[in-house]
Amino acid sequence: MLYDMYIHEKQCFIACYLLLFELNVTPIFASY
């Protein structure tokens, strides 16, 4: 149970990180 929560939390963290990364990178590529 605790391990599943840890995995789920990590997946959400990675998903949020990638989403922020895309939002930050897209304007940079668009400006070029």
N, C-alpha and C. Protein backbone atom coordinates (compact mmCIF):
# COMPACT_ATOMS: atom_id res chain seq x y z
N MET A 1 0.85 -1.20 0.00
CA MET A 1 0.00 0.00 0.00
C MET A 1 0.88 1.25 0.00
N LEU A 2 1.79 1.32 0.96
CA LEU A 2 2.66 2.48 1.07
C LEU A 2 3.56 2.59 -0.16
N TYR A 3 4.03 1.43 -0.64
CA TYR A 3 4.91 1.41 -1.81
C TYR A 3 4.15 1.89 -3.05
N ASP A 4 2.88 1.47 -3.17
CA ASP A 4 2.06 1.89 -4.31
C ASP A 4 1.85 3.41 -4.28
N MET A 5 1.64 3.95 -3.09
CA MET A 5 1.47 5.40 -2.97
C MET A 5 2.74 6.12 -3.37
N TYR A 6 3.88 5.55 -2.99
CA TYR A 6 5.17 6.15 -3.33
C TYR A 6 5.36 6.18 -4.83
N ILE A 7 5.05 5.06 -5.50
CA ILE A 7 5.18 4.97 -6.96
C ILE A 7 4.23 5.97 -7.62
N HIS A 8 2.99 6.04 -7.14
CA HIS A 8 2.00 6.95 -7.72
C HIS A 8 2.46 8.40 -7.55
N GLU A 9 3.00 8.72 -6.37
CA GLU A 9 3.46 10.08 -6.10
C GLU A 9 4.61 10.44 -7.03
N LYS A 10 5.50 9.46 -7.25
CA LYS A 10 6.65 9.70 -8.11
C LYS A 10 6.21 9.90 -9.56
N GLN A 11 5.22 9.12 -10.00
CA GLN A 11 4.71 9.27 -11.37
C GLN A 11 4.08 10.64 -11.55
N CYS A 12 3.32 11.11 -10.56
CA CYS A 12 2.69 12.42 -10.64
C CYS A 12 3.75 13.51 -10.68
N PHE A 13 4.80 13.34 -9.86
CA PHE A 13 5.89 14.32 -9.82
C PHE A 13 6.57 14.40 -11.18
N ILE A 14 6.85 13.24 -11.78
CA ILE A 14 7.51 13.20 -13.09
C ILE A 14 6.61 13.83 -14.15
N ALA A 15 5.31 13.52 -14.10
CA ALA A 15 4.37 14.07 -15.07
C ALA A 15 4.29 15.59 -14.95
N CYS A 16 4.22 16.09 -13.71
CA CYS A 16 4.17 17.54 -13.49
C CYS A 16 5.47 18.19 -13.95
N TYR A 17 6.60 17.55 -13.67
CA TYR A 17 7.90 18.09 -14.06
C TYR A 17 8.00 18.19 -15.58
N LEU A 18 7.58 17.13 -16.29
CA LEU A 18 7.63 17.14 -17.75
C LEU A 18 6.69 18.20 -18.32
N LEU A 19 5.52 18.36 -17.69
CA LEU A 19 4.56 19.36 -18.16
C LEU A 19 5.16 20.76 -18.02
N LEU A 20 5.76 21.05 -16.86
CA LEU A 20 6.39 22.35 -16.65
C LEU A 20 7.55 22.55 -17.61
N PHE A 21 8.31 21.48 -17.84
CA PHE A 21 9.45 21.54 -18.75
C PHE A 21 8.98 21.90 -20.16
N GLU A 22 7.89 21.26 -20.61
CA GLU A 22 7.36 21.54 -21.94
C GLU A 22 6.86 22.98 -22.03
N LEU A 23 6.18 23.45 -20.99
CA LEU A 23 5.65 24.82 -20.99
C LEU A 23 6.79 25.84 -21.01
N ASN A 24 7.90 25.51 -20.36
CA ASN A 24 9.04 26.43 -20.32
C ASN A 24 9.85 26.38 -21.61
N VAL A 25 9.94 25.21 -22.23
CA VAL A 25 10.77 25.04 -23.42
C VAL A 25 10.07 25.50 -24.69
N THR A 26 8.76 25.30 -24.78
CA THR A 26 8.03 25.63 -26.00
C THR A 26 8.20 27.10 -26.42
N PRO A 27 8.05 28.08 -25.52
CA PRO A 27 8.24 29.48 -25.93
C PRO A 27 9.66 29.75 -26.43
N ILE A 28 10.64 29.06 -25.86
CA ILE A 28 12.03 29.25 -26.27
C ILE A 28 12.20 28.81 -27.73
N PHE A 29 11.66 27.64 -28.07
CA PHE A 29 11.77 27.15 -29.45
C PHE A 29 10.93 28.03 -30.38
N ALA A 30 9.81 28.52 -29.89
CA ALA A 30 8.93 29.37 -30.71
C ALA A 30 9.62 30.69 -31.04
N SER A 31 10.43 31.19 -30.11
CA SER A 31 11.11 32.47 -30.33
C SER A 31 12.19 32.34 -31.39
N TYR A 32 12.75 31.15 -31.53
CA TYR A 32 13.75 30.93 -32.58
C TYR A 32 13.04 30.78 -33.91
